[in-house]
Amino acid sequence: MSMLKVIEILTESPDGFEQAAQEAVNKAAKSVRNIKSVYIKEMNAQVENDRITSYRVNAKITFQVDDQSAA
């Protein structure tokens, strides 16, 4: 039986929501392995002078935890 964990990451990108979501996965991959999915909980954008300057996401990253008892 596999065990999954979920972490929540806030990220932003000047290039769009898709890139902000990818950045969340990239950041999570630096400290966890076996990422299985990303769920975008919230999206928002920062606006300055009537223009969007950055896209932000609140992402939930699901990853599989290694089963140490199988060793």
C-alpha atoms as a PDB file:
ATOM      1  CA  MET A   1       0.000   0.000   0.000  1.00  0.00           C
ATOM      2  CA  SER A   2       1.421   3.375  -0.959  1.00  0.00           C
ATOM      3  CA  MET A   3       1.150   6.508   1.130  1.00  0.00           C
ATOM      4  CA  LEU A   4       0.622   9.934  -0.415  1.00  0.00           C
ATOM      5  CA  LYS A   5       1.302  13.317   1.167  1.00  0.00           C
ATOM      6  CA  VAL A   6       0.224  16.794   0.150  1.00  0.00           C
ATOM      7  CA  ILE A   7       2.153  20.032   0.529  1.00  0.00           C
ATOM      8  CA  GLU A   8       0.948  23.522  -0.304  1.00  0.00           C
ATOM      9  CA  ILE A   9       3.164  25.937  -2.234  1.00  0.00           C
ATOM     10  CA  LEU A  10       2.650  29.566  -3.230  1.00  0.00           C
ATOM     11  CA  THR A  11       4.443  30.654  -6.399  1.00  0.00           C
ATOM     12  CA  GLU A  12       4.328  33.400  -8.982  1.00  0.00           C
ATOM     13  CA  SER A  13       5.475  34.095 -12.513  1.00  0.00           C
ATOM     14  CA  PRO A  14       5.407  37.113 -14.817  1.00  0.00           C
ATOM     15  CA  ASP A  15       4.584  34.757 -17.725  1.00  0.00           C
ATOM     16  CA  GLY A  16       1.159  33.348 -16.797  1.00  0.00           C
ATOM     17  CA  PHE A  17      -0.716  30.917 -14.585  1.00  0.00           C
ATOM     18  CA  GLU A  18       0.620  27.835 -16.372  1.00  0.00           C
ATOM     19  CA  GLN A  19       4.212  28.924 -15.743  1.00  0.00           C
ATOM     20  CA  ALA A  20       3.393  29.712 -12.100  1.00  0.00           C
ATOM     21  CA  ALA A  21       1.992  26.175 -11.711  1.00  0.00           C
ATOM     22  CA  GLN A  22       5.119  24.701 -13.304  1.00  0.00           C
ATOM     23  CA  GLU A  23       7.240  26.756 -10.916  1.00  0.00           C
ATOM     24  CA  ALA A  24       5.331  25.195  -7.991  1.00  0.00           C
ATOM     25  CA  VAL A  25       6.192  21.726  -9.294  1.00  0.00           C
ATOM     26  CA  ASN A  26       9.824  22.751  -9.874  1.00  0.00           C
ATOM     27  CA  LYS A  27      10.167  24.081  -6.320  1.00  0.00           C
ATOM     28  CA  ALA A  28       8.551  20.988  -4.796  1.00  0.00           C
ATOM     29  CA  ALA A  29      10.823  18.704  -6.837  1.00  0.00           C
ATOM     30  CA  LYS A  30      13.856  20.225  -5.097  1.00  0.00           C
ATOM     31  CA  SER A  31      12.819  18.645  -1.785  1.00  0.00           C
ATOM     32  CA  VAL A  32      10.437  15.756  -2.571  1.00  0.00           C
ATOM     33  CA  ARG A  33      10.388  12.869  -5.044  1.00  0.00           C
ATOM     34  CA  ASN A  34       7.611  10.942  -6.764  1.00  0.00           C
ATOM     35  CA  ILE A  35       5.318  13.904  -7.456  1.00  0.00           C
ATOM     36  CA  LYS A  36       2.009  12.540  -8.697  1.00  0.00           C
ATOM     37  CA  SER A  37      -0.211  15.587  -9.208  1.00  0.00           C
ATOM     38  CA  VAL A  38      -0.683  19.305  -8.754  1.00  0.00           C
ATOM     39  CA  TYR A  39      -4.015  20.861  -7.813  1.00  0.00           C
ATOM     40  CA  ILE A  40      -4.363  24.604  -8.246  1.00  0.00           C
ATOM     41  CA  LYS A  41      -6.353  25.765  -5.248  1.00  0.00           C
ATOM     42  CA  GLU A  42      -6.327  29.503  -6.055  1.00  0.00           C
ATOM     43  CA  MET A  43      -5.160  31.827  -8.797  1.00  0.00           C
ATOM     44  CA  ASN A  44      -4.743  35.583  -8.638  1.00  0.00           C
ATOM     45  CA  ALA A  45      -2.754  38.279 -10.345  1.00  0.00           C
ATOM     46  CA  GLN A  46      -0.964  41.415  -9.243  1.00  0.00           C
ATOM     47  CA  VAL A  47      -1.891  44.557 -11.192  1.00  0.00           C
ATOM     48  CA  GLU A  48       0.058  47.791 -11.563  1.00  0.00           C
ATOM     49  CA  ASN A  49      -0.935  50.687 -13.818  1.00  0.00           C
ATOM     50  CA  ASP A  50      -3.858  48.669 -15.247  1.00  0.00           C
ATOM     51  CA  ARG A  51      -1.556  45.823 -16.349  1.00  0.00           C
ATOM     52  CA  ILE A  52      -0.991  42.382 -14.875  1.00  0.00           C
ATOM     53  CA  THR A  53       2.560  42.217 -13.581  1.00  0.00           C
ATOM     54  CA  SER A  54       2.605  38.739 -12.034  1.00  0.00           C
ATOM     55  CA  TYR A  55       0.449  35.639 -11.906  1.00  0.00           C
ATOM     56  CA  ARG A  56       0.185  33.767  -8.618  1.00  0.00           C
ATOM     57  CA  VAL A  57      -1.011  30.278  -7.738  1.00  0.00           C
ATOM     58  CA  ASN A  58      -1.636  28.430  -4.513  1.00  0.00           C
ATOM     59  CA  ALA A  59      -0.824  24.839  -5.479  1.00  0.00           C
ATOM     60  CA  LYS A  60      -1.289  21.562  -3.642  1.00  0.00           C
ATOM     61  CA  ILE A  61       1.405  19.078  -4.641  1.00  0.00           C
ATOM     62  CA  THR A  62       0.715  15.374  -4.056  1.00  0.00           C
ATOM     63  CA  PHE A  63       3.645  12.982  -3.842  1.00  0.00           C
ATOM     64  CA  GLN A  64       4.184   9.355  -2.964  1.00  0.00           C
ATOM     65  CA  VAL A  65       6.178   8.589   0.175  1.00  0.00           C
ATOM     66  CA  ASP A  66       8.708   5.743  -0.006  1.00  0.00           C
ATOM     67  CA  ASP A  67       7.607   2.746   2.044  1.00  0.00           C
ATOM     68  CA  GLN A  68      10.566   2.158   4.378  1.00  0.00           C
ATOM     69  CA  SER A  69       9.010  -1.005   5.870  1.00  0.00           C
ATOM     70  CA  ALA A  70       9.387  -2.852   2.537  1.00  0.00           C
ATOM     71  CA  ALA A  71      13.192  -2.806   2.853  1.00  0.00           C
END
